[in-house]
PDB file of N, CA and C in Angstrom:
ATOM      1  N   MET A   1    -109.320 -67.351 -25.362  1.00  0.00           N
ATOM      2  CA  MET A   1    -109.119 -67.073 -23.955  1.00  0.00           C
ATOM      3  C   MET A   1    -110.118 -67.902 -23.130  1.00  0.00           C
ATOM      4  N   THR A   2    -109.638 -68.521 -22.064  1.00  0.00           N
ATOM      5  CA  THR A   2    -110.510 -69.352 -21.246  1.00  0.00           C
ATOM      6  C   THR A   2    -111.341 -68.500 -20.302  1.00  0.00           C
ATOM      7  N   ALA A   3    -112.468 -69.056 -19.886  1.00  0.00           N
ATOM      8  CA  ALA A   3    -113.369 -68.360 -18.968  1.00  0.00           C
ATOM      9  C   ALA A   3    -112.701 -68.208 -17.601  1.00  0.00           C
ATOM     10  N   LEU A   4    -112.973 -67.110 -16.959  1.00  0.00           N
ATOM     11  CA  LEU A   4    -112.486 -66.863 -15.608  1.00  0.00           C
ATOM     12  C   LEU A   4    -113.319 -67.700 -14.645  1.00  0.00           C
ATOM     13  N   ARG A   5    -112.653 -68.419 -13.738  1.00  0.00           N
ATOM     14  CA  ARG A   5    -113.342 -69.234 -12.739  1.00  0.00           C
ATOM     15  C   ARG A   5    -112.998 -68.684 -11.363  1.00  0.00           C
ATOM     16  N   VAL A   6    -114.033 -68.402 -10.574  1.00  0.00           N
ATOM     17  CA  VAL A   6    -113.856 -67.773  -9.267  1.00  0.00           C
ATOM     18  C   VAL A   6    -114.617 -68.569  -8.217  1.00  0.00           C
ATOM     19  N   GLY A   7    -113.978 -68.814  -7.076  1.00  0.00           N
ATOM     20  CA  GLY A   7    -114.640 -69.436  -5.938  1.00  0.00           C
ATOM     21  C   GLY A   7    -114.917 -68.396  -4.880  1.00  0.00           C
ATOM     22  N   MET A   8    -116.137 -68.372  -4.363  1.00  0.00           N
ATOM     23  CA  MET A   8    -116.518 -67.393  -3.342  1.00  0.00           C
ATOM     24  C   MET A   8    -117.281 -68.083  -2.214  1.00  0.00           C
ATOM     25  N   VAL A   9    -117.111 -67.540  -1.004  1.00  0.00           N
ATOM     26  CA  VAL A   9    -117.837 -68.036   0.159  1.00  0.00           C
ATOM     27  C   VAL A   9    -118.346 -66.837   0.951  1.00  0.00           C
ATOM     28  N   ALA A  10    -119.638 -66.826   1.236  1.00  0.00           N
ATOM     29  CA  ALA A  10    -120.243 -65.826   2.109  1.00  0.00           C
ATOM     30  C   ALA A  10    -121.067 -66.570   3.153  1.00  0.00           C
ATOM     31  N   GLY A  11    -120.858 -66.236   4.418  1.00  0.00           N
ATOM     32  CA  GLY A  11    -121.545 -66.941   5.485  1.00  0.00           C
ATOM     33  C   GLY A  11    -122.574 -66.128   6.231  1.00  0.00           C
ATOM     34  N   GLU A  12    -122.755 -64.862   5.833  1.00  0.00           N
ATOM     35  CA  GLU A  12    -123.751 -64.020   6.501  1.00  0.00           C
ATOM     36  C   GLU A  12    -124.215 -62.939   5.535  1.00  0.00           C
ATOM     37  N   PRO A  13    -125.332 -62.251   5.851  1.00  0.00           N
ATOM     38  CA  PRO A  13    -125.969 -61.342   4.887  1.00  0.00           C
ATOM     39  C   PRO A  13    -125.074 -60.229   4.330  1.00  0.00           C
ATOM     40  N   SER A  14    -124.222 -59.620   5.132  1.00  0.00           N
ATOM     41  CA  SER A  14    -123.392 -58.544   4.580  1.00  0.00           C
ATOM     42  C   SER A  14    -122.372 -59.096   3.592  1.00  0.00           C
ATOM     43  N   GLY A  15    -121.853 -60.280   3.842  1.00  0.00           N
ATOM     44  CA  GLY A  15    -120.954 -60.923   2.895  1.00  0.00           C
ATOM     45  C   GLY A  15    -121.674 -61.310   1.616  1.00  0.00           C
ATOM     46  N   ASP A  16    -122.913 -61.731   1.754  1.00  0.00           N
ATOM     47  CA  ASP A  16    -123.737 -62.074   0.606  1.00  0.00           C
ATOM     48  C   ASP A  16    -123.947 -60.850  -0.280  1.00  0.00           C
ATOM     49  N   LEU A  17    -124.250 -59.709   0.328  1.00  0.00           N
ATOM     50  CA  LEU A  17    -124.458 -58.472  -0.425  1.00  0.00           C
ATOM     51  C   LEU A  17    -123.161 -58.024  -1.103  1.00  0.00           C
ATOM     52  N   LEU A  18    -122.066 -58.025  -0.374  1.00  0.00           N
ATOM     53  CA  LEU A  18    -120.783 -57.631  -0.935  1.00  0.00           C
ATOM     54  C   LEU A  18    -120.377 -58.583  -2.056  1.00  0.00           C
ATOM     55  N   GLY A  19    -120.546 -59.880  -1.830  1.00  0.00           N
ATOM     56  CA  GLY A  19    -120.210 -60.865  -2.851  1.00  0.00           C
ATOM     57  C   GLY A  19    -121.006 -60.652  -4.131  1.00  0.00           C
ATOM     58  N   SER A  20    -122.284 -60.327  -3.997  1.00  0.00           N
ATOM     59  CA  SER A  20    -123.111 -60.110  -5.194  1.00  0.00           C
ATOM     60  C   SER A  20    -122.616 -58.899  -5.984  1.00  0.00           C
ATOM     61  N   ARG A  21    -122.145 -57.885  -5.289  1.00  0.00           N
ATOM     62  CA  ARG A  21    -121.616 -56.692  -5.972  1.00  0.00           C
ATOM     63  C   ARG A  21    -120.306 -57.014  -6.691  1.00  0.00           C
ATOM     64  N   ILE A  22    -119.470 -57.813  -6.062  1.00  0.00           N
ATOM     65  CA  ILE A  22    -118.224 -58.248  -6.705  1.00  0.00           C
ATOM     66  C   ILE A  22    -118.546 -59.067  -7.951  1.00  0.00           C
ATOM     67  N   GLN A  23    -119.500 -59.972  -7.834  1.00  0.00           N
ATOM     68  CA  GLN A  23    -119.902 -60.787  -8.980  1.00  0.00           C
ATOM     69  C   GLN A  23    -120.342 -59.920 -10.146  1.00  0.00           C
ATOM     70  N   ARG A  24    -121.206 -58.951  -9.866  1.00  0.00           N
ATOM     71  CA  ARG A  24    -121.719 -58.092 -10.946  1.00  0.00           C
ATOM     72  C   ARG A  24    -120.572 -57.350 -11.628  1.00  0.00           C
ATOM     73  N   GLY A  25    -119.595 -56.895 -10.846  1.00  0.00           N
ATOM     74  CA  GLY A  25    -118.434 -56.232 -11.430  1.00  0.00           C
ATOM     75  C   GLY A  25    -117.616 -57.166 -12.307  1.00  0.00           C
ATOM     76  N   LEU A  26    -117.444 -58.401 -11.843  1.00  0.00           N
ATOM     77  CA  LEU A  26    -116.720 -59.381 -12.650  1.00  0.00           C
ATOM     78  C   LEU A  26    -117.450 -59.677 -13.951  1.00  0.00           C
ATOM     79  N   TYR A  27    -118.772 -59.818 -13.882  1.00  0.00           N
ATOM     80  CA  TYR A  27    -119.545 -60.122 -15.089  1.00  0.00           C
ATOM     81  C   TYR A  27    -119.508 -58.974 -16.092  1.00  0.00           C
ATOM     82  N   GLU A  28    -119.355 -57.740 -15.618  1.00  0.00           N
ATOM     83  CA  GLU A  28    -119.261 -56.602 -16.534  1.00  0.00           C
ATOM     84  C   GLU A  28    -117.997 -56.670 -17.377  1.00  0.00           C
ATOM     85  N   THR A  29    -116.884 -57.060 -16.737  1.00  0.00           N
ATOM     86  CA  THR A  29    -115.611 -57.100 -17.464  1.00  0.00           C
ATOM     87  C   THR A  29    -115.319 -58.463 -18.090  1.00  0.00           C
ATOM     88  N   HIS A  30    -115.867 -59.521 -17.517  1.00  0.00           N
ATOM     89  CA  HIS A  30    -115.663 -60.882 -18.007  1.00  0.00           C
ATOM     90  C   HIS A  30    -117.019 -61.611 -18.004  1.00  0.00           C
ATOM     91  N   PRO A  31    -117.839 -61.402 -19.012  1.00  0.00           N
ATOM     92  CA  PRO A  31    -119.196 -61.970 -19.016  1.00  0.00           C
ATOM     93  C   PRO A  31    -119.259 -63.496 -18.914  1.00  0.00           C
ATOM     94  N   ASP A  32    -118.205 -64.185 -19.313  1.00  0.00           N
ATOM     95  CA  ASP A  32    -118.221 -65.647 -19.290  1.00  0.00           C
ATOM     96  C   ASP A  32    -117.654 -66.229 -17.993  1.00  0.00           C
ATOM     97  N   THR A  33    -117.527 -65.423 -16.959  1.00  0.00           N
ATOM     98  CA  THR A  33    -117.002 -65.868 -15.670  1.00  0.00           C
ATOM     99  C   THR A  33    -117.919 -66.918 -15.048  1.00  0.00           C
ATOM    100  N   LEU A  34    -117.308 -67.940 -14.450  1.00  0.00           N
ATOM    101  CA  LEU A  34    -118.037 -68.954 -13.705  1.00  0.00           C
ATOM    102  C   LEU A  34    -117.701 -68.767 -12.230  1.00  0.00           C
ATOM    103  N   ILE A  35    -118.703 -68.446 -11.410  1.00  0.00           N
ATOM    104  CA  ILE A  35    -118.501 -68.226  -9.981  1.00  0.00           C
ATOM    105  C   ILE A  35    -119.247 -69.300  -9.218  1.00  0.00           C
ATOM    106  N   THR A  36    -118.512 -70.018  -8.373  1.00  0.00           N
ATOM    107  CA  THR A  36    -119.070 -71.138  -7.625  1.00  0.00           C
ATOM    108  C   THR A  36    -118.738 -71.000  -6.148  1.00  0.00           C
ATOM    109  N   GLY A  37    -119.492 -71.713  -5.303  1.00  0.00           N
ATOM    110  CA  GLY A  37    -119.173 -71.734  -3.885  1.00  0.00           C
ATOM    111  C   GLY A  37    -120.393 -71.718  -2.988  1.00  0.00           C
ATOM    112  N   ILE A  38    -120.297 -70.914  -1.931  1.00  0.00           N
ATOM    113  CA  ILE A  38    -121.334 -70.823  -0.908  1.00  0.00           C
ATOM    114  C   ILE A  38    -121.816 -69.385  -0.847  1.00  0.00           C
ATOM    115  N   GLY A  39    -123.120 -69.189  -0.894  1.00  0.00           N
ATOM    116  CA  GLY A  39    -123.656 -67.836  -0.822  1.00  0.00           C
ATOM    117  C   GLY A  39    -125.136 -67.840  -0.509  1.00  0.00           C
ATOM    118  N   GLY A  40    -125.653 -66.639  -0.360  1.00  0.00           N
ATOM    119  CA  GLY A  40    -127.056 -66.452  -0.034  1.00  0.00           C
ATOM    120  C   GLY A  40    -127.863 -65.997  -1.239  1.00  0.00           C
ATOM    121  N   PRO A  41    -129.056 -65.506  -0.985  1.00  0.00           N
ATOM    122  CA  PRO A  41    -129.964 -65.147  -2.079  1.00  0.00           C
ATOM    123  C   PRO A  41    -129.447 -64.033  -2.989  1.00  0.00           C
ATOM    124  N   GLU A  42    -128.710 -63.086  -2.447  1.00  0.00           N
ATOM    125  CA  GLU A  42    -128.174 -61.996  -3.284  1.00  0.00           C
ATOM    126  C   GLU A  42    -127.151 -62.529  -4.277  1.00  0.00           C
ATOM    127  N   MET A  43    -126.250 -63.385  -3.804  1.00  0.00           N
ATOM    128  CA  MET A  43    -125.224 -63.944  -4.685  1.00  0.00           C
ATOM    129  C   MET A  43    -125.830 -64.889  -5.716  1.00  0.00           C
ATOM    130  N   VAL A  44    -126.813 -65.662  -5.296  1.00  0.00           N
ATOM    131  CA  VAL A  44    -127.484 -66.561  -6.232  1.00  0.00           C
ATOM    132  C   VAL A  44    -128.189 -65.742  -7.314  1.00  0.00           C
ATOM    133  N   ALA A  45    -128.854 -64.657  -6.915  1.00  0.00           N
ATOM    134  CA  ALA A  45    -129.536 -63.794  -7.887  1.00  0.00           C
ATOM    135  C   ALA A  45    -128.540 -63.146  -8.852  1.00  0.00           C
ATOM    136  N   ALA A  46    -127.311 -62.920  -8.377  1.00  0.00           N
ATOM    137  CA  ALA A  46    -126.285 -62.305  -9.224  1.00  0.00           C
ATOM    138  C   ALA A  46    -125.589 -63.323 -10.119  1.00  0.00           C
ATOM    139  N   GLY A  47    -125.897 -64.627  -9.946  1.00  0.00           N
ATOM    140  CA  GLY A  47    -125.343 -65.629 -10.845  1.00  0.00           C
ATOM    141  C   GLY A  47    -124.451 -66.679 -10.213  1.00  0.00           C
ATOM    142  N   LEU A  48    -124.350 -66.715  -8.887  1.00  0.00           N
ATOM    143  CA  LEU A  48    -123.537 -67.727  -8.221  1.00  0.00           C
ATOM    144  C   LEU A  48    -124.088 -69.124  -8.459  1.00  0.00           C
ATOM    145  N   ASP A  49    -123.213 -70.056  -8.805  1.00  0.00           N
ATOM    146  CA  ASP A  49    -123.571 -71.475  -8.834  1.00  0.00           C
ATOM    147  C   ASP A  49    -123.340 -71.965  -7.409  1.00  0.00           C
ATOM    148  N   ALA A  50    -124.386 -71.903  -6.591  1.00  0.00           N
ATOM    149  CA  ALA A  50    -124.270 -72.203  -5.159  1.00  0.00           C
ATOM    150  C   ALA A  50    -124.298 -73.701  -4.913  1.00  0.00           C
ATOM    151  N   TRP A  51    -123.196 -74.213  -4.390  1.00  0.00           N
ATOM    152  CA  TRP A  51    -123.121 -75.629  -4.044  1.00  0.00           C
ATOM    153  C   TRP A  51    -123.745 -75.880  -2.680  1.00  0.00           C
ATOM    154  N   TYR A  52    -123.734 -74.874  -1.812  1.00  0.00           N
ATOM    155  CA  TYR A  52    -124.360 -74.936  -0.493  1.00  0.00           C
ATOM    156  C   TYR A  52    -124.937 -73.557  -0.200  1.00  0.00           C
ATOM    157  N   PRO A  53    -126.046 -73.485   0.541  1.00  0.00           N
ATOM    158  CA  PRO A  53    -126.562 -72.174   0.958  1.00  0.00           C
ATOM    159  C   PRO A  53    -125.695 -71.621   2.081  1.00  0.00           C
ATOM    160  N   MET A  54    -125.686 -70.309   2.243  1.00  0.00           N
ATOM    161  CA  MET A  54    -124.848 -69.725   3.292  1.00  0.00           C
ATOM    162  C   MET A  54    -125.292 -70.167   4.685  1.00  0.00           C
ATOM    163  N   ASP A  55    -126.536 -70.601   4.826  1.00  0.00           N
ATOM    164  CA  ASP A  55    -127.015 -71.101   6.111  1.00  0.00           C
ATOM    165  C   ASP A  55    -126.252 -72.340   6.566  1.00  0.00           C
ATOM    166  N   ALA A  56    -125.596 -73.017   5.636  1.00  0.00           N
ATOM    167  CA  ALA A  56    -124.810 -74.201   5.993  1.00  0.00           C
ATOM    168  C   ALA A  56    -123.652 -73.844   6.921  1.00  0.00           C
ATOM    169  N   LEU A  57    -123.287 -72.554   6.973  1.00  0.00           N
ATOM    170  CA  LEU A  57    -122.177 -72.110   7.813  1.00  0.00           C
ATOM    171  C   LEU A  57    -122.638 -71.463   9.122  1.00  0.00           C
ATOM    172  N   SER A  58    -123.941 -71.356   9.321  1.00  0.00           N
ATOM    173  CA  SER A  58    -124.476 -70.647  10.481  1.00  0.00           C
ATOM    174  C   SER A  58    -124.365 -71.465  11.763  1.00  0.00           C
ATOM    175  N   VAL A  59    -123.732 -70.877  12.760  1.00  0.00           N
ATOM    176  CA  VAL A  59    -123.678 -71.451  14.102  1.00  0.00           C
ATOM    177  C   VAL A  59    -123.830 -70.316  15.107  1.00  0.00           C
ATOM    178  N   PHE A  60    -124.303 -70.650  16.305  1.00  0.00           N
ATOM    179  CA  PHE A  60    -124.522 -69.652  17.347  1.00  0.00           C
ATOM    180  C   PHE A  60    -123.805 -70.094  18.615  1.00  0.00           C
ATOM    181  N   GLY A  61    -122.633 -69.549  18.826  1.00  0.00           N
ATOM    182  CA  GLY A  61    -121.884 -69.851  20.039  1.00  0.00           C
ATOM    183  C   GLY A  61    -121.034 -71.104  19.923  1.00  0.00           C
ATOM    184  N   TYR A  62    -120.244 -71.325  20.974  1.00  0.00           N
ATOM    185  CA  TYR A  62    -119.285 -72.431  20.986  1.00  0.00           C
ATOM    186  C   TYR A  62    -119.965 -73.798  21.000  1.00  0.00           C
ATOM    187  N   VAL A  63    -121.015 -73.936  21.784  1.00  0.00           N
ATOM    188  CA  VAL A  63    -121.679 -75.231  21.899  1.00  0.00           C
ATOM    189  C   VAL A  63    -122.286 -75.627  20.554  1.00  0.00           C
ATOM    190  N   ASP A  64    -122.971 -74.695  19.920  1.00  0.00           N
ATOM    191  CA  ASP A  64    -123.562 -74.977  18.609  1.00  0.00           C
ATOM    192  C   ASP A  64    -122.475 -75.287  17.585  1.00  0.00           C
ATOM    193  N   ALA A  65    -121.347 -74.574  17.646  1.00  0.00           N
ATOM    194  CA  ALA A  65    -120.248 -74.833  16.716  1.00  0.00           C
ATOM    195  C   ALA A  65    -119.729 -76.252  16.881  1.00  0.00           C
ATOM    196  N   LEU A  66    -119.584 -76.687  18.119  1.00  0.00           N
ATOM    197  CA  LEU A  66    -119.107 -78.054  18.356  1.00  0.00           C
ATOM    198  C   LEU A  66    -120.120 -79.095  17.893  1.00  0.00           C
ATOM    199  N   LYS A  67    -121.391 -78.834  18.161  1.00  0.00           N
ATOM    200  CA  LYS A  67    -122.433 -79.758  17.715  1.00  0.00           C
ATOM    201  C   LYS A  67    -122.523 -79.813  16.192  1.00  0.00           C
ATOM    202  N   SER A  68    -122.243 -78.687  15.549  1.00  0.00           N
ATOM    203  CA  SER A  68    -122.359 -78.575  14.095  1.00  0.00           C
ATOM    204  C   SER A  68    -121.079 -78.954  13.362  1.00  0.00           C
ATOM    205  N   LEU A  69    -120.036 -79.307  14.100  1.00  0.00           N
ATOM    206  CA  LEU A  69    -118.739 -79.571  13.483  1.00  0.00           C
ATOM    207  C   LEU A  69    -118.801 -80.605  12.351  1.00  0.00           C
ATOM    208  N   PRO A  70    -119.484 -81.737  12.507  1.00  0.00           N
ATOM    209  CA  PRO A  70    -119.534 -82.682  11.377  1.00  0.00           C
ATOM    210  C   PRO A  70    -120.139 -82.068  10.107  1.00  0.00           C
ATOM    211  N   ARG A  71    -121.209 -81.312  10.256  1.00  0.00           N
ATOM    212  CA  ARG A  71    -121.837 -80.659   9.094  1.00  0.00           C
ATOM    213  C   ARG A  71    -120.915 -79.605   8.492  1.00  0.00           C
ATOM    214  N   LEU A  72    -120.252 -78.823   9.354  1.00  0.00           N
ATOM    215  CA  LEU A  72    -119.337 -77.797   8.871  1.00  0.00           C
ATOM    216  C   LEU A  72    -118.162 -78.410   8.113  1.00  0.00           C
ATOM    217  N   LEU A  73    -117.628 -79.493   8.641  1.00  0.00           N
ATOM    218  CA  LEU A  73    -116.514 -80.170   7.964  1.00  0.00           C
ATOM    219  C   LEU A  73    -116.961 -80.779   6.641  1.00  0.00           C
ATOM    220  N   GLN A  74    -118.157 -81.346   6.612  1.00  0.00           N
ATOM    221  CA  GLN A  74    -118.681 -81.908   5.375  1.00  0.00           C
ATOM    222  C   GLN A  74    -118.827 -80.811   4.309  1.00  0.00           C
ATOM    223  N   THR A  75    -119.307 -79.657   4.726  1.00  0.00           N
ATOM    224  CA  THR A  75    -119.450 -78.531   3.804  1.00  0.00           C
ATOM    225  C   THR A  75    -118.080 -78.074   3.312  1.00  0.00           C
ATOM    226  N   TYR A  76    -117.142 -77.907   4.231  1.00  0.00           N
ATOM    227  CA  TYR A  76    -115.783 -77.471   3.880  1.00  0.00           C
ATOM    228  C   TYR A  76    -115.151 -78.428   2.868  1.00  0.00           C
ATOM    229  N   TYR A  77    -115.139 -79.715   3.201  1.00  0.00           N
ATOM    230  CA  TYR A  77    -114.505 -80.688   2.315  1.00  0.00           C
ATOM    231  C   TYR A  77    -115.258 -80.833   0.995  1.00  0.00           C
ATOM    232  N   GLY A  78    -116.572 -80.683   1.020  1.00  0.00           N
ATOM    233  CA  GLY A  78    -117.345 -80.743  -0.218  1.00  0.00           C
ATOM    234  C   GLY A  78    -116.950 -79.637  -1.182  1.00  0.00           C
ATOM    235  N   VAL A  79    -116.853 -78.404  -0.678  1.00  0.00           N
ATOM    236  CA  VAL A  79    -116.465 -77.272  -1.526  1.00  0.00           C
ATOM    237  C   VAL A  79    -115.014 -77.418  -1.967  1.00  0.00           C
ATOM    238  N   ARG A  80    -114.144 -77.758  -1.042  1.00  0.00           N
ATOM    239  CA  ARG A  80    -112.722 -77.892  -1.365  1.00  0.00           C
ATOM    240  C   ARG A  80    -112.510 -78.933  -2.462  1.00  0.00           C
ATOM    241  N   ASN A  81    -113.152 -80.075  -2.335  1.00  0.00           N
ATOM    242  CA  ASN A  81    -112.970 -81.138  -3.321  1.00  0.00           C
ATOM    243  C   ASN A  81    -113.531 -80.763  -4.684  1.00  0.00           C
ATOM    244  N   ARG A  82    -114.656 -80.070  -4.706  1.00  0.00           N
ATOM    245  CA  ARG A  82    -115.218 -79.644  -5.998  1.00  0.00           C
ATOM    246  C   ARG A  82    -114.324 -78.604  -6.659  1.00  0.00           C
ATOM    247  N   TRP A  83    -113.757 -77.678  -5.860  1.00  0.00           N
ATOM    248  CA  TRP A  83    -112.840 -76.693  -6.432  1.00  0.00           C
ATOM    249  C   TRP A  83    -111.584 -77.378  -6.967  1.00  0.00           C
ATOM    250  N   LYS A  84    -111.084 -78.378  -6.260  1.00  0.00           N
ATOM    251  CA  LYS A  84    -109.905 -79.108  -6.748  1.00  0.00           C
ATOM    252  C   LYS A  84    -110.194 -79.772  -8.089  1.00  0.00           C
ATOM    253  N   LYS A  85    -111.364 -80.381  -8.217  1.00  0.00           N
ATOM    254  CA  LYS A  85    -111.746 -81.002  -9.493  1.00  0.00           C
ATOM    255  C   LYS A  85    -111.842 -79.967 -10.598  1.00  0.00           C
ATOM    256  N   THR A  86    -112.394 -78.806 -10.285  1.00  0.00           N
ATOM    257  CA  THR A  86    -112.529 -77.731 -11.267  1.00  0.00           C
ATOM    258  C   THR A  86    -111.155 -77.261 -11.729  1.00  0.00           C
ATOM    259  N   ILE A  87    -110.222 -77.135 -10.802  1.00  0.00           N
ATOM    260  CA  ILE A  87    -108.876 -76.693 -11.145  1.00  0.00           C
ATOM    261  C   ILE A  87    -108.215 -77.710 -12.068  1.00  0.00           C
ATOM    262  N   ARG A  88    -108.362 -78.988 -11.770  1.00  0.00           N
ATOM    263  CA  ARG A  88    -107.772 -80.036 -12.618  1.00  0.00           C
ATOM    264  C   ARG A  88    -108.350 -79.989 -14.023  1.00  0.00           C
ATOM    265  N   MET A  89    -109.648 -79.698 -14.144  1.00  0.00           N
ATOM    266  CA  MET A  89    -110.279 -79.650 -15.462  1.00  0.00           C
ATOM    267  C   MET A  89    -109.738 -78.474 -16.277  1.00  0.00           C
ATOM    268  N   CYS A  90    -109.279 -77.425 -15.605  1.00  0.00           N
ATOM    269  CA  CYS A  90    -108.800 -76.234 -16.298  1.00  0.00           C
ATOM    270  C   CYS A  90    -107.358 -76.393 -16.778  1.00  0.00           C
ATOM    271  N   LEU A  91    -106.619 -77.302 -16.171  1.00  0.00           N
ATOM    272  CA  LEU A  91    -105.195 -77.429 -16.517  1.00  0.00           C
ATOM    273  C   LEU A  91    -104.969 -78.175 -17.794  1.00  0.00           C
TER     274      LEU A  91
END
């Protein structure tokens, strides 16, 4: 049986906490699970292979979002492309 591969993204502390709890539950039933994506310290402590910190998604208001758009798009496409490569490796 192949390892379970899961992609997760958390952009703020409550999502980070919830994500870490989901991870722990997955590891209980599927110890060889590989979880990758974006998360904070709780998810990393629970075993997330973090490609970007959750701070990479932090913006404050419309002006900051527009100023941060290139960084946000780079993060989005970086995660998307790595997940696509992972999926191809599994097929």
